[in-house]
N, C-alpha and C. Protein backbone atom coordinates (compact mmCIF):
# COMPACT_ATOMS: atom_id res chain seq x y z
N MET A 1 0.92 -1.17 -0.03
CA MET A 1 -0.04 -0.28 0.21
C MET A 1 0.83 1.36 0.03
N GLN A 2 0.45 2.32 -0.68
CA GLN A 2 1.35 3.43 -1.01
C GLN A 2 0.96 4.24 0.29
N PRO A 3 1.93 5.01 0.69
CA PRO A 3 1.98 6.21 1.99
C PRO A 3 1.03 7.14 1.61
N TRP A 4 0.81 7.63 0.61
CA TRP A 4 -0.27 8.78 0.23
C TRP A 4 -1.52 8.16 0.65
N THR A 5 -1.82 7.07 -0.01
CA THR A 5 -2.94 6.12 0.17
C THR A 5 -3.34 6.22 1.61
N VAL A 6 -2.38 5.86 2.67
CA VAL A 6 -2.78 5.68 3.90
C VAL A 6 -3.08 7.02 4.42
N ALA A 7 -2.04 7.94 4.20
CA ALA A 7 -2.26 9.43 4.71
C ALA A 7 -3.97 10.01 4.37
N ALA A 8 -4.32 9.59 2.95
CA ALA A 8 -5.45 10.16 2.69
C ALA A 8 -6.73 9.43 3.34
N GLY A 9 -6.63 8.21 3.81
CA GLY A 9 -7.51 7.43 4.38
C GLY A 9 -7.47 7.86 5.76
N ARG A 10 -6.64 8.44 6.73
CA ARG A 10 -6.61 8.92 7.90
C ARG A 10 -7.07 10.17 7.75
N LEU A 11 -6.90 10.88 6.75
CA LEU A 11 -7.60 12.45 6.88
C LEU A 11 -9.21 12.23 6.69
N ALA A 12 -9.54 11.08 5.73
CA ALA A 12 -11.27 11.07 5.69
C ALA A 12 -11.55 10.84 7.05
N VAL A 13 -10.68 10.00 7.74
CA VAL A 13 -11.53 9.54 8.95
C VAL A 13 -11.52 10.17 10.13
N PHE A 14 -10.37 11.45 9.93
CA PHE A 14 -10.45 12.38 10.70
C PHE A 14 -11.70 13.42 10.55
N LEU A 15 -11.62 13.68 9.44
CA LEU A 15 -12.77 14.64 8.76
C LEU A 15 -14.25 14.15 9.36
N GLN A 16 -14.56 12.54 9.03
CA GLN A 16 -15.67 12.18 9.39
C GLN A 16 -15.82 12.31 11.03
N THR A 17 -14.67 11.95 11.82
CA THR A 17 -14.99 12.18 13.11
C THR A 17 -15.28 13.27 13.74
N HIS A 18 -14.59 14.45 13.20
CA HIS A 18 -14.53 15.73 13.52
C HIS A 18 -15.51 16.78 12.83
N ALA A 19 -16.31 16.23 11.86
CA ALA A 19 -17.14 17.22 11.17
C ALA A 19 -18.13 17.96 12.02
N GLY A 20 -18.76 17.31 12.86
CA GLY A 20 -19.65 18.06 13.76
C GLY A 20 -19.10 19.06 14.52
N ASN A 21 -17.77 18.85 15.03
CA ASN A 21 -17.10 20.26 15.65
C ASN A 21 -16.74 21.42 14.80
N LEU A 22 -16.27 21.10 13.80
CA LEU A 22 -15.92 22.02 12.73
C LEU A 22 -17.04 22.81 12.33
N SER A 23 -18.42 22.33 12.09
CA SER A 23 -19.68 22.83 11.34
C SER A 23 -19.93 23.79 12.54
N SER A 24 -19.86 23.24 13.85
CA SER A 24 -20.05 24.12 14.94
C SER A 24 -19.28 25.37 15.01
N CYS A 25 -18.19 25.14 15.16
CA CYS A 25 -17.23 26.37 15.12
C CYS A 25 -17.44 27.22 14.23
N MET A 26 -17.73 26.87 12.80
CA MET A 26 -17.89 27.79 11.72
C MET A 26 -19.38 28.51 12.28
N THR A 27 -19.97 27.97 12.32
CA THR A 27 -21.59 28.44 12.98
C THR A 27 -21.27 29.50 14.02
N ALA A 28 -20.28 29.25 14.97
CA ALA A 28 -20.18 30.18 16.08
C ALA A 28 -19.51 31.40 15.64
N HIS A 29 -18.42 31.25 14.80
CA HIS A 29 -17.74 32.35 14.10
C HIS A 29 -18.55 33.34 13.54
N ALA A 30 -19.63 32.66 12.65
CA ALA A 30 -20.50 33.31 11.74
C ALA A 30 -21.20 34.25 12.25
N LEU A 31 -21.94 33.64 13.63
CA LEU A 31 -22.88 34.29 14.59
C LEU A 31 -22.07 35.62 15.16
N ILE A 32 -21.21 35.36 15.44
CA ILE A 32 -20.24 36.46 16.24
C ILE A 32 -19.79 37.46 15.25
N ALA A 33 -19.70 37.12 14.00
CA ALA A 33 -19.48 38.12 12.70
C ALA A 33 -20.55 39.05 12.48
N ALA A 34 -21.96 38.32 12.53
CA ALA A 34 -23.26 38.84 12.20
C ALA A 34 -23.47 39.83 13.11
N SER A 35 -23.16 39.47 14.58
CA SER A 35 -23.73 40.15 15.71
C SER A 35 -22.96 41.66 15.63
N ALA A 36 -21.61 41.55 15.48
CA ALA A 36 -20.64 42.93 15.61
C ALA A 36 -21.35 43.65 14.31
N PHE A 37 -21.43 43.00 13.03
CA PHE A 37 -21.84 44.05 12.06
C PHE A 37 -23.03 44.34 12.13
N GLY A 38 -23.94 43.71 12.94
CA GLY A 38 -25.24 44.26 13.23
C GLY A 38 -25.25 45.22 14.55
N SER A 39 -24.49 45.31 15.17
CA SER A 39 -24.12 46.48 16.29
C SER A 39 -23.74 47.55 15.54
N VAL A 40 -22.61 47.37 14.68
CA VAL A 40 -22.19 48.51 13.88
C VAL A 40 -23.22 49.17 13.25
N HIS A 41 -24.03 48.35 12.44
CA HIS A 41 -25.28 48.99 11.58
C HIS A 41 -26.28 49.73 12.43
N ASP A 42 -26.31 49.23 13.56
CA ASP A 42 -27.29 49.64 14.61
C ASP A 42 -27.16 51.44 15.24
N LEU A 43 -25.72 50.96 15.38
CA LEU A 43 -24.79 52.39 15.93
C LEU A 43 -24.82 53.49 14.68
N LEU A 44 -24.71 53.22 13.54
CA LEU A 44 -24.63 54.20 12.74
C LEU A 44 -26.06 54.67 12.08
N HIS A 45 -26.88 53.86 12.29
CA HIS A 45 -28.35 54.14 12.08
C HIS A 45 -28.97 54.83 13.30
N SER A 46 -28.44 55.07 14.31
CA SER A 46 -29.29 55.41 15.72
C SER A 46 -29.37 56.88 15.82
N PRO A 47 -30.28 57.38 16.16
CA PRO A 47 -30.67 58.67 16.19
C PRO A 47 -29.31 59.62 16.90
N ALA A 48 -28.97 58.76 18.00
CA ALA A 48 -27.81 59.62 18.75
C ALA A 48 -26.60 60.04 17.60
N PHE A 49 -26.26 58.84 16.90
CA PHE A 49 -25.53 59.03 15.82
C PHE A 49 -25.63 60.12 14.88
N ASP A 50 -26.76 60.02 14.49
CA ASP A 50 -27.33 61.27 13.24
C ASP A 50 -27.05 62.48 14.13
N ALA A 51 -27.50 62.47 15.19
CA ALA A 51 -27.46 63.92 16.11
C ALA A 51 -25.87 64.41 16.35
N ALA A 52 -25.00 63.44 16.62
CA ALA A 52 -23.95 64.00 16.63
C ALA A 52 -22.99 64.22 15.10
N ARG A 53 -23.45 63.46 14.19
CA ARG A 53 -23.04 63.77 12.82
C ARG A 53 -23.49 65.13 12.55
N ASN A 54 -24.66 65.59 12.48
CA ASN A 54 -25.15 66.91 12.14
C ASN A 54 -24.45 67.85 13.11
N ILE A 55 -24.38 67.66 14.44
CA ILE A 55 -23.60 68.74 14.93
C ILE A 55 -22.26 68.97 14.48
N VAL A 56 -21.35 67.91 14.22
CA VAL A 56 -19.79 68.03 13.83
C VAL A 56 -20.14 68.54 12.39
N LEU A 57 -20.95 68.30 11.48
CA LEU A 57 -20.98 68.87 10.18
C LEU A 57 -21.29 70.41 10.25
N PHE A 58 -22.14 70.76 11.28
CA PHE A 58 -22.67 72.18 11.49
C PHE A 58 -21.49 73.03 12.08
N LEU A 59 -20.67 72.48 13.02
CA LEU A 59 -19.30 73.04 13.50
C LEU A 59 -18.55 73.33 12.35
N ALA A 60 -18.39 72.37 11.31
CA ALA A 60 -17.17 72.32 10.36
C ALA A 60 -17.65 73.55 9.08
N VAL A 61 -19.04 73.60 9.18
CA VAL A 61 -19.46 74.74 8.22
C VAL A 61 -19.25 75.95 8.84
N VAL A 62 -19.56 76.22 10.25
CA VAL A 62 -19.03 77.34 10.88
C VAL A 62 -17.70 77.61 10.88
N PHE A 63 -16.93 76.77 11.05
CA PHE A 63 -15.65 77.14 11.23
C PHE A 63 -14.92 77.56 9.80
N TRP A 64 -15.55 76.91 9.01
CA TRP A 64 -15.27 77.16 7.41
C TRP A 64 -15.93 78.54 6.95
N LEU A 65 -16.89 79.10 7.21
CA LEU A 65 -17.24 80.26 7.10
C LEU A 65 -16.33 81.53 7.95
N GLY A 66 -16.15 80.91 9.10
CA GLY A 66 -15.46 81.90 10.06
C GLY A 66 -14.00 82.21 9.69
N LEU A 67 -13.31 81.24 8.85
CA LEU A 67 -11.96 81.46 8.45
C LEU A 67 -12.04 81.88 7.24
N ALA A 68 -13.14 82.08 6.14
CA ALA A 68 -13.33 82.90 5.18
C ALA A 68 -13.65 84.25 5.48
N LEU A 69 -14.34 84.57 6.55
CA LEU A 69 -14.50 86.08 6.95
C LEU A 69 -13.07 86.45 7.53
N TRP A 70 -12.50 85.93 8.16
CA TRP A 70 -11.25 86.36 8.65
C TRP A 70 -10.13 86.32 7.67
N VAL A 71 -10.16 85.61 6.68
CA VAL A 71 -9.25 86.10 5.32
C VAL A 71 -9.86 87.36 4.91
N TYR A 72 -10.93 87.60 4.57
CA TYR A 72 -11.62 88.91 4.25
C TYR A 72 -10.92 90.17 4.68
N ARG A 73 -11.27 89.89 6.21
CA ARG A 73 -10.74 91.16 7.11
C ARG A 73 -9.68 91.59 7.31
N ASP A 74 -8.56 90.30 7.19
CA ASP A 74 -7.01 90.44 7.23
C ASP A 74 -6.76 90.92 5.97
N ALA A 75 -7.20 90.38 4.68
CA ALA A 75 -7.09 91.18 3.56
C ALA A 75 -7.13 92.72 3.36
N ARG A 76 -8.48 92.92 3.91
CA ARG A 76 -8.52 94.25 3.92
C ARG A 76 -7.74 95.44 4.71
N ARG A 77 -7.17 94.70 5.95
CA ARG A 77 -6.14 95.31 6.73
C ARG A 77 -4.79 95.48 6.14
N ARG A 78 -4.73 94.51 5.19
CA ARG A 78 -3.18 94.23 4.45
C ARG A 78 -3.05 95.06 3.12
N THR A 79 -4.28 95.35 2.22
CA THR A 79 -4.07 95.88 1.05
C THR A 79 -5.26 96.69 0.94
N ASP A 80 -5.13 97.71 -0.03
CA ASP A 80 -6.23 98.48 -0.49
C ASP A 80 -6.77 98.30 -1.86
N ASP A 81 -6.18 97.36 -2.32
CA ASP A 81 -6.58 96.88 -3.89
C ASP A 81 -8.11 96.22 -3.74
N PRO A 82 -8.88 96.46 -4.10
CA PRO A 82 -10.31 95.69 -3.94
C PRO A 82 -10.27 94.37 -4.72
N LEU A 83 -9.41 94.14 -5.70
CA LEU A 83 -9.20 93.10 -6.60
C LEU A 83 -8.75 91.91 -5.84
N LEU A 84 -7.30 92.29 -4.80
CA LEU A 84 -6.87 91.36 -4.25
C LEU A 84 -7.44 91.06 -2.96
N VAL A 85 -8.53 91.67 -2.44
CA VAL A 85 -9.40 91.66 -1.19
C VAL A 85 -10.29 90.71 -1.70
N ALA A 86 -11.05 90.80 -2.87
CA ALA A 86 -12.02 89.82 -3.46
C ALA A 86 -11.41 88.52 -3.61
N THR A 87 -10.26 88.49 -4.36
CA THR A 87 -9.71 87.02 -4.72
C THR A 87 -9.10 86.50 -3.29
N ALA A 88 -8.74 87.14 -2.32
CA ALA A 88 -8.32 86.36 -1.04
C ALA A 88 -9.79 86.00 -0.41
N ALA A 89 -11.01 86.75 -0.46
CA ALA A 89 -12.28 86.27 0.01
C ALA A 89 -12.79 85.01 -0.53
N LEU A 90 -12.53 85.01 -1.94
CA LEU A 90 -12.86 84.02 -2.79
C LEU A 90 -12.25 82.62 -2.65
N LEU A 91 -11.16 82.83 -2.19
CA LEU A 91 -10.00 81.91 -2.13
C LEU A 91 -10.45 81.01 -0.61
N GLY A 92 -10.83 81.81 0.22
CA GLY A 92 -11.06 81.35 1.67
C GLY A 92 -12.42 80.53 1.44
N LEU A 93 -13.52 81.07 0.59
CA LEU A 93 -14.90 80.69 0.58
C LEU A 93 -14.90 79.40 -0.28
N THR A 94 -14.13 79.42 -1.14
CA THR A 94 -14.44 78.19 -2.13
C THR A 94 -13.23 77.37 -2.04
N VAL A 95 -12.30 77.38 -1.34
CA VAL A 95 -11.52 76.05 -0.61
C VAL A 95 -11.67 76.01 0.53
N PRO A 96 -12.13 75.02 1.11
CA PRO A 96 -12.39 75.06 2.68
C PRO A 96 -11.22 74.62 3.51
N TYR A 97 -10.77 75.54 4.39
CA TYR A 97 -9.58 75.26 5.25
C TYR A 97 -8.44 75.38 4.60
N ALA A 98 -8.21 75.06 3.38
CA ALA A 98 -6.91 75.06 2.75
C ALA A 98 -6.72 76.42 2.00
N GLY A 99 -7.82 77.19 1.86
CA GLY A 99 -7.75 78.36 1.15
C GLY A 99 -7.13 79.30 2.23
N ALA A 100 -7.71 79.08 3.20
CA ALA A 100 -6.81 80.29 4.49
C ALA A 100 -5.29 79.95 4.79
N LEU A 101 -4.85 78.55 4.52
CA LEU A 101 -3.61 78.25 4.59
C LEU A 101 -2.71 78.92 3.30
N ILE A 102 -3.37 78.45 2.25
CA ILE A 102 -2.52 79.38 0.92
C ILE A 102 -2.73 80.92 1.15
N TYR A 103 -3.76 81.50 1.57
CA TYR A 103 -3.73 82.93 1.84
C TYR A 103 -2.61 83.47 2.90
N LEU A 104 -2.50 82.35 3.92
CA LEU A 104 -1.29 82.73 4.99
C LEU A 104 0.01 82.99 4.21
N LEU A 105 0.25 82.14 3.26
CA LEU A 105 1.45 82.06 2.37
C LEU A 105 1.76 83.03 1.65
N PHE A 106 0.58 83.67 1.10
CA PHE A 106 1.18 84.71 0.00
C PHE A 106 0.66 86.02 0.71
N ARG A 107 0.19 86.32 1.84
CA ARG A 107 -0.46 87.63 2.07
C ARG A 107 0.54 88.49 2.47
N PRO A 108 0.27 89.91 2.48
CA PRO A 108 1.48 90.93 2.68
C PRO A 108 2.05 90.78 4.28
N PRO A 109 3.27 90.81 4.40
CA PRO A 109 3.85 90.89 5.74
C PRO A 109 3.62 92.00 6.58
N GLU A 110 3.03 93.10 6.20
CA GLU A 110 2.67 94.21 7.11
C GLU A 110 1.20 94.91 6.67
N THR A 111 0.52 95.25 7.79
CA THR A 111 -0.75 95.91 7.72
C THR A 111 -0.49 97.43 7.03
N LEU A 112 -1.86 97.72 6.61
CA LEU A 112 -1.68 99.27 6.19
C LEU A 112 -1.33 100.23 7.49
N ALA A 113 -2.00 99.97 8.41
CA ALA A 113 -1.50 100.68 9.81
C ALA A 113 -0.20 100.49 9.97
N ASP A 114 0.37 99.62 9.98
CA ASP A 114 1.93 99.50 10.06
C ASP A 114 2.75 100.16 9.17
N VAL A 115 2.33 100.14 7.58
CA VAL A 115 3.10 100.88 6.88
C VAL A 115 2.92 102.49 6.90
N ARG A 116 1.90 102.84 7.34
CA ARG A 116 1.51 104.37 7.61
C ARG A 116 2.64 104.75 9.02
N SER A 117 2.54 103.87 10.01
CA SER A 117 3.49 104.30 11.19
C SER A 117 4.69 104.25 10.57
N ARG A 118 5.24 103.31 9.81
CA ARG A 118 6.64 103.42 9.52
C ARG A 118 7.06 104.61 8.71
N ASP A 119 6.06 105.04 7.55
CA ASP A 119 6.26 105.96 7.07
C ASP A 119 6.42 107.30 7.65
N LEU A 120 5.67 107.57 8.70
CA LEU A 120 5.64 108.49 9.53
C LEU A 120 6.88 108.90 10.38
N GLU A 121 7.16 107.70 10.98
CA GLU A 121 8.36 107.51 11.64
C GLU A 121 9.53 108.01 10.78
N LEU A 122 9.72 107.53 9.69
CA LEU A 122 10.64 107.94 8.59
C LEU A 122 10.87 109.41 8.26
N ARG A 123 9.50 109.75 8.15
CA ARG A 123 9.24 111.21 7.75
C ARG A 123 9.75 112.23 8.92
N THR A 124 9.45 111.89 10.15
CA THR A 124 9.77 112.54 11.23
C THR A 124 11.26 112.46 11.46
N LEU A 125 11.93 111.28 11.29
CA LEU A 125 13.29 111.23 11.61
C LEU A 125 14.33 111.81 10.38
N GLU A 126 13.70 112.00 9.44
CA GLU A 126 14.22 112.66 8.23
C GLU A 126 14.11 114.08 8.40
N GLU A 127 13.00 114.65 8.83
CA GLU A 127 13.05 116.37 9.46
C GLU A 127 13.80 116.40 10.58
N HIS A 128 14.02 115.64 11.37
CA HIS A 128 14.70 115.84 12.43
C HIS A 128 16.26 115.96 12.16
N LEU A 129 16.57 115.06 11.17
CA LEU A 129 18.04 115.05 10.87
C LEU A 129 18.47 115.85 9.80
N GLY A 130 17.06 116.63 9.04
CA GLY A 130 17.52 117.70 8.15
C GLY A 130 17.59 117.30 6.88
N LEU A 131 17.30 115.97 6.74
CA LEU A 131 17.40 115.65 5.31
C LEU A 131 16.05 115.51 4.50
N HIS A 132 15.09 116.00 5.23
CA HIS A 132 13.74 116.25 4.26
C HIS A 132 13.85 117.89 3.85
N ALA A 133 13.19 117.74 2.53
CA ALA A 133 13.27 119.34 2.00
C ALA A 133 12.35 120.18 2.79
N PRO A 134 12.91 121.43 3.12
CA PRO A 134 12.06 122.24 3.72
C PRO A 134 10.58 122.91 3.31
N HIS A 135 9.90 123.40 3.97
CA HIS A 135 8.78 123.68 3.60
C HIS A 135 8.13 125.04 4.02
N CYS A 136 7.36 125.71 3.22
CA CYS A 136 6.97 127.33 3.80
C CYS A 136 6.04 126.91 5.02
N PRO A 137 6.45 127.71 6.11
CA PRO A 137 5.39 127.67 7.30
C PRO A 137 3.98 128.00 6.97
N VAL A 138 3.68 128.87 6.00
CA VAL A 138 2.16 129.17 5.91
C VAL A 138 1.45 128.27 4.79
N CYS A 139 2.00 127.94 3.56
CA CYS A 139 1.55 127.18 2.77
C CYS A 139 1.94 125.45 2.81
N ARG A 140 2.75 125.15 3.23
CA ARG A 140 3.66 123.99 3.27
C ARG A 140 4.13 123.77 1.96
N ALA A 141 4.49 124.55 1.11
CA ALA A 141 4.96 124.37 -0.06
C ALA A 141 6.34 124.11 0.24
N GLU A 142 6.97 122.84 -0.71
CA GLU A 142 8.68 122.75 -0.83
C GLU A 142 9.36 123.91 -1.28
N VAL A 143 10.22 124.48 -0.55
CA VAL A 143 10.96 125.41 -0.84
C VAL A 143 12.46 125.11 -0.91
N GLU A 144 13.57 125.98 -1.58
CA GLU A 144 15.02 125.67 -1.59
C GLU A 144 15.60 126.50 -0.46
N ASP A 145 16.93 126.32 -0.13
CA ASP A 145 17.36 126.86 0.96
C ASP A 145 17.91 128.21 0.38
N GLU A 146 17.94 128.51 -0.89
CA GLU A 146 18.09 129.92 -1.32
C GLU A 146 17.12 130.64 -1.38
N TYR A 147 15.71 130.35 -1.19
CA TYR A 147 14.78 130.89 -1.53
C TYR A 147 14.49 132.17 -0.54
N ILE A 148 14.22 133.74 -0.81
CA ILE A 148 13.80 134.46 0.04
C ILE A 148 12.41 134.58 0.23
N VAL A 149 11.57 134.23 -0.62
CA VAL A 149 10.30 134.21 -0.29
C VAL A 149 9.55 133.02 -0.87
N CYS A 150 8.69 132.76 -0.44
CA CYS A 150 7.90 131.30 -0.90
C CYS A 150 7.57 131.78 -2.30
N PRO A 151 7.60 130.81 -3.43
CA PRO A 151 7.01 131.25 -4.77
C PRO A 151 5.62 130.94 -4.78
N VAL A 152 5.02 130.54 -3.67
CA VAL A 152 3.44 130.10 -3.96
C VAL A 152 2.59 131.11 -3.22
N CYS A 153 3.02 131.64 -1.82
CA CYS A 153 2.17 132.40 -1.19
C CYS A 153 2.75 133.67 -1.04
N ALA A 154 3.99 133.78 -1.30
CA ALA A 154 4.92 135.03 -1.13
C ALA A 154 5.03 135.34 0.23
N THR A 155 5.24 134.42 1.06
CA THR A 155 5.93 134.67 2.69
C THR A 155 6.95 134.85 2.60
N LYS A 156 7.51 136.04 3.41
CA LYS A 156 8.97 136.23 3.33
C LYS A 156 9.83 135.17 4.24
N LEU A 157 10.63 134.46 3.67
CA LEU A 157 11.29 133.44 4.17
C LEU A 157 12.65 133.77 4.95
N LYS A 158 13.26 134.68 4.13
CA LYS A 158 15.00 134.89 4.70
C LYS A 158 14.90 136.32 4.15
N HIS A 159 15.94 136.98 4.26
CA HIS A 159 16.17 138.42 4.06
C HIS A 159 17.86 138.18 3.25
N PRO A 160 17.93 139.21 2.13
CA PRO A 160 19.43 138.87 1.61
C PRO A 160 20.42 139.68 2.65
N CYS A 161 21.61 139.34 2.50
CA CYS A 161 22.74 140.20 3.21
C CYS A 161 22.98 141.55 2.44
N ALA A 162 23.32 142.51 3.28
CA ALA A 162 23.53 143.90 2.48
C ALA A 162 24.83 143.72 1.93
N GLU A 163 25.52 143.08 2.26
CA GLU A 163 27.31 142.89 1.80
C GLU A 163 27.31 141.82 0.41
N CYS A 164 26.84 140.50 1.02
CA CYS A 164 27.07 139.67 -0.36
C CYS A 164 25.86 139.01 -0.87
N SER A 165 24.78 139.74 -0.48
CA SER A 165 23.63 139.39 -1.15
C SER A 165 23.07 137.60 -0.66
N ARG A 166 23.82 137.18 0.16
CA ARG A 166 23.19 135.63 0.17
C ARG A 166 21.82 135.60 1.14
N ALA A 167 21.22 134.46 1.06
CA ALA A 167 20.03 134.24 1.89
C ALA A 167 20.26 134.16 2.99
N LEU A 168 19.94 134.90 4.10
CA LEU A 168 19.85 134.70 5.44
C LEU A 168 18.73 134.61 6.08
N ALA A 169 18.84 133.70 7.14
CA ALA A 169 17.65 133.39 7.83
C ALA A 169 16.95 134.54 8.74
N ILE A 170 15.75 134.57 8.96
CA ILE A 170 15.07 135.82 9.61
C ILE A 170 15.89 135.95 10.99
N THR A 171 16.11 135.21 11.67
CA THR A 171 16.55 135.18 12.99
C THR A 171 18.33 135.29 13.31
N TRP A 172 18.82 135.31 12.00
CA TRP A 172 20.31 135.57 12.06
C TRP A 172 20.53 136.82 12.42
N ARG A 173 21.63 137.28 13.05
CA ARG A 173 22.15 138.55 13.51
C ARG A 173 23.23 138.96 12.66
N ILE A 174 23.89 138.06 12.16
CA ILE A 174 25.30 138.19 11.41
C ILE A 174 25.30 137.24 10.53
N CYS A 175 26.04 137.57 8.96
CA CYS A 175 26.06 136.95 7.83
C CYS A 175 27.39 135.89 8.29
N PRO A 176 27.15 134.34 8.00
CA PRO A 176 28.14 133.75 8.25
C PRO A 176 29.07 133.64 7.12
N PHE A 177 28.94 134.18 5.86
CA PHE A 177 29.65 134.31 4.83
C PHE A 177 30.61 135.41 4.68
N CYS A 178 29.96 136.84 5.03
CA CYS A 178 30.92 137.96 5.11
C CYS A 178 31.06 138.59 6.59
N GLU A 179 30.48 137.94 7.48
CA GLU A 179 30.59 138.60 8.65
C GLU A 179 30.01 139.88 8.86
N ALA A 180 29.08 140.49 7.91
CA ALA A 180 28.53 141.61 8.02
C ALA A 180 27.31 141.52 8.71
N PRO A 181 26.78 142.63 9.64
CA PRO A 181 25.58 142.35 10.49
C PRO A 181 24.38 142.26 9.42
N ALA A 182 23.57 141.31 9.88
CA ALA A 182 22.42 140.64 9.31
C ALA A 182 21.22 141.66 9.46
N ILE A 183 21.32 142.31 10.77
CA ILE A 183 20.19 143.24 11.02
C ILE A 183 20.96 144.53 11.25
N PRO A 184 20.76 145.84 10.74
CA PRO A 184 21.42 147.07 11.02
C PRO A 184 21.34 147.59 12.32
N ALA A 185 22.31 147.86 12.95
CA ALA A 185 22.37 148.38 14.09
C ALA A 185 21.58 149.65 13.89
N ILE A 186 20.98 149.95 15.21
CA ILE A 186 20.27 151.08 15.41
C ILE A 186 20.76 151.87 16.70
N ASP A 187 21.06 153.20 16.39
CA ASP A 187 21.39 154.04 17.31
C ASP A 187 20.49 154.49 17.96
N LEU A 188 20.35 154.25 19.38
CA LEU A 188 19.06 154.70 19.94
C LEU A 188 19.29 155.78 20.83
N ASN A 189 20.45 156.26 20.86
CA ASN A 189 20.68 157.94 21.15
C ASN A 189 20.28 158.87 20.40
N ALA A 190 20.53 158.27 18.94
CA ALA A 190 20.13 159.20 17.82
C ALA A 190 18.77 159.35 17.47
N ALA A 191 18.00 157.98 17.59
CA ALA A 191 16.71 157.72 17.75
C ALA A 191 15.74 158.44 18.70
N LEU A 192 16.28 158.59 19.83
CA LEU A 192 15.65 159.27 21.00
C LEU A 192 15.79 160.71 20.96
N THR A 193 16.98 161.30 20.35
CA THR A 193 16.98 162.50 20.25
C THR A 193 16.11 163.17 19.08
N ALA A 194 16.00 162.36 17.90
CA ALA A 194 15.16 162.67 16.77
C ALA A 194 13.78 162.75 17.60
N GLU A 195 13.51 161.79 17.91
CA GLU A 195 12.04 161.72 18.67
C GLU A 195 11.56 162.96 19.47
N LEU A 196 12.67 163.49 20.35
CA LEU A 196 12.61 164.61 21.19
C LEU A 196 12.41 165.77 20.38
N SER A 197 13.28 165.87 19.36
CA SER A 197 13.02 167.08 18.54
C SER A 197 11.82 167.29 18.08
N ALA A 198 11.33 166.02 17.55
CA ALA A 198 10.06 166.16 16.77
C ALA A 198 8.73 166.39 17.75
N ILE A 199 8.87 166.10 18.97
CA ILE A 199 8.10 166.53 20.02
C ILE A 199 7.96 167.85 20.06
N ARG A 200 9.22 168.71 20.44
CA ARG A 200 9.59 169.92 20.79
C ARG A 200 8.93 170.74 19.71
N SER A 201 9.41 170.40 18.31
CA SER A 201 8.89 171.17 17.28
C SER A 201 7.28 171.16 17.09
N ALA A 202 6.77 170.19 17.62
CA ALA A 202 5.25 169.90 17.46
C ALA A 202 4.65 171.14 18.55
N THR A 203 5.41 170.98 19.81
CA THR A 203 4.73 171.82 20.67
C THR A 203 4.87 173.18 20.46
N THR A 204 5.98 173.53 20.04
CA THR A 204 6.56 175.24 19.67
C THR A 204 5.46 175.60 18.83
N HIS A 205 5.04 174.76 17.44
CA HIS A 205 4.23 175.29 16.74
C HIS A 205 2.71 175.31 17.22
N GLY A 206 2.66 174.52 18.09
CA GLY A 206 1.00 174.40 18.65
C GLY A 206 0.89 175.55 19.63
N ARG A 207 1.81 176.32 20.37
CA ARG A 207 1.72 177.14 21.16
C ARG A 207 1.21 178.37 20.60
N PRO A 208 1.67 179.14 19.32
CA PRO A 208 1.14 180.45 18.77
C PRO A 208 -0.35 180.30 18.54
N ARG A 209 -0.65 179.11 17.99
CA ARG A 209 -1.95 178.86 17.50
C ARG A 209 -2.91 178.83 18.56
N ARG A 210 -2.51 178.57 20.01
CA ARG A 210 -3.48 178.54 21.11
C ARG A 210 -3.55 179.99 21.54
N SER A 211 -2.08 180.76 21.20
CA SER A 211 -2.28 182.35 21.78
C SER A 211 -3.31 183.01 20.90
N ARG A 212 -3.08 182.56 19.57
CA ARG A 212 -4.06 183.39 18.51
C ARG A 212 -5.50 183.29 18.98
N ARG A 213 -5.85 182.16 19.02
CA ARG A 213 -7.17 181.83 19.25
C ARG A 213 -7.75 182.13 20.63
N THR A 214 -6.87 182.60 21.54
CA THR A 214 -7.27 183.14 23.03
C THR A 214 -7.41 184.51 22.73
N ARG A 215 -6.43 185.53 21.97
CA ARG A 215 -6.68 186.83 21.44
C ARG A 215 -7.86 187.00 20.77
N SER A 216 -8.04 186.29 19.81
CA SER A 216 -9.40 186.46 19.10
C SER A 216 -10.55 186.10 19.94
N ALA A 217 -10.61 185.35 20.92
CA ALA A 217 -11.88 185.26 21.85
C ALA A 217 -11.95 186.48 22.65
N SER A 218 -10.88 187.19 23.29
CA SER A 218 -10.88 188.11 24.06
C SER A 218 -11.19 189.36 23.27
N GLY A 219 -10.86 189.71 22.01
CA GLY A 219 -11.13 190.81 21.16
C GLY A 219 -12.48 190.75 20.74
């Protein structure tokens, strides 16, 4: 007798002996699987699962719309171009969640308020250091250092030197180029003497008139 014939016979005897046990095991596994799938099916179709799913979807939509609104407001704070603002808002609205991330990669680094504040600080620093062009104190038009009057409003800015004709500031008392007095010196004694002489002459010419009037009145 061949060895494989003996093995086949033993296998047939084993299957016949344990056929009931194998069928019962397969039936138990099938029942367990059916009960598990049934539990999952019941869970997915339960009212609690439906309510939880609706809440999650509602929060996801609210978060998506909130991100789109944030993208729109942030774009308005960073640029004054309506086309760019509309593009950013459309990107945040049409591409849920990823649109906000794309906007963060390409948005301007500074807001408009930051740009204005930086420009104001730079202008203040330039004026403090004297790097900014001078302006007329009346009309705020730009003028040159050599201007004597403002060409826009005719405000007197400086006065020419009597010796070298260079433009001098109103507050300068001496010309730094030729050392000539920027403001002519005034002789106070001569001015007081001339004023006293004018007063005396007026008084002298006024007395005869008064005496004539008195004589005419008495006569």
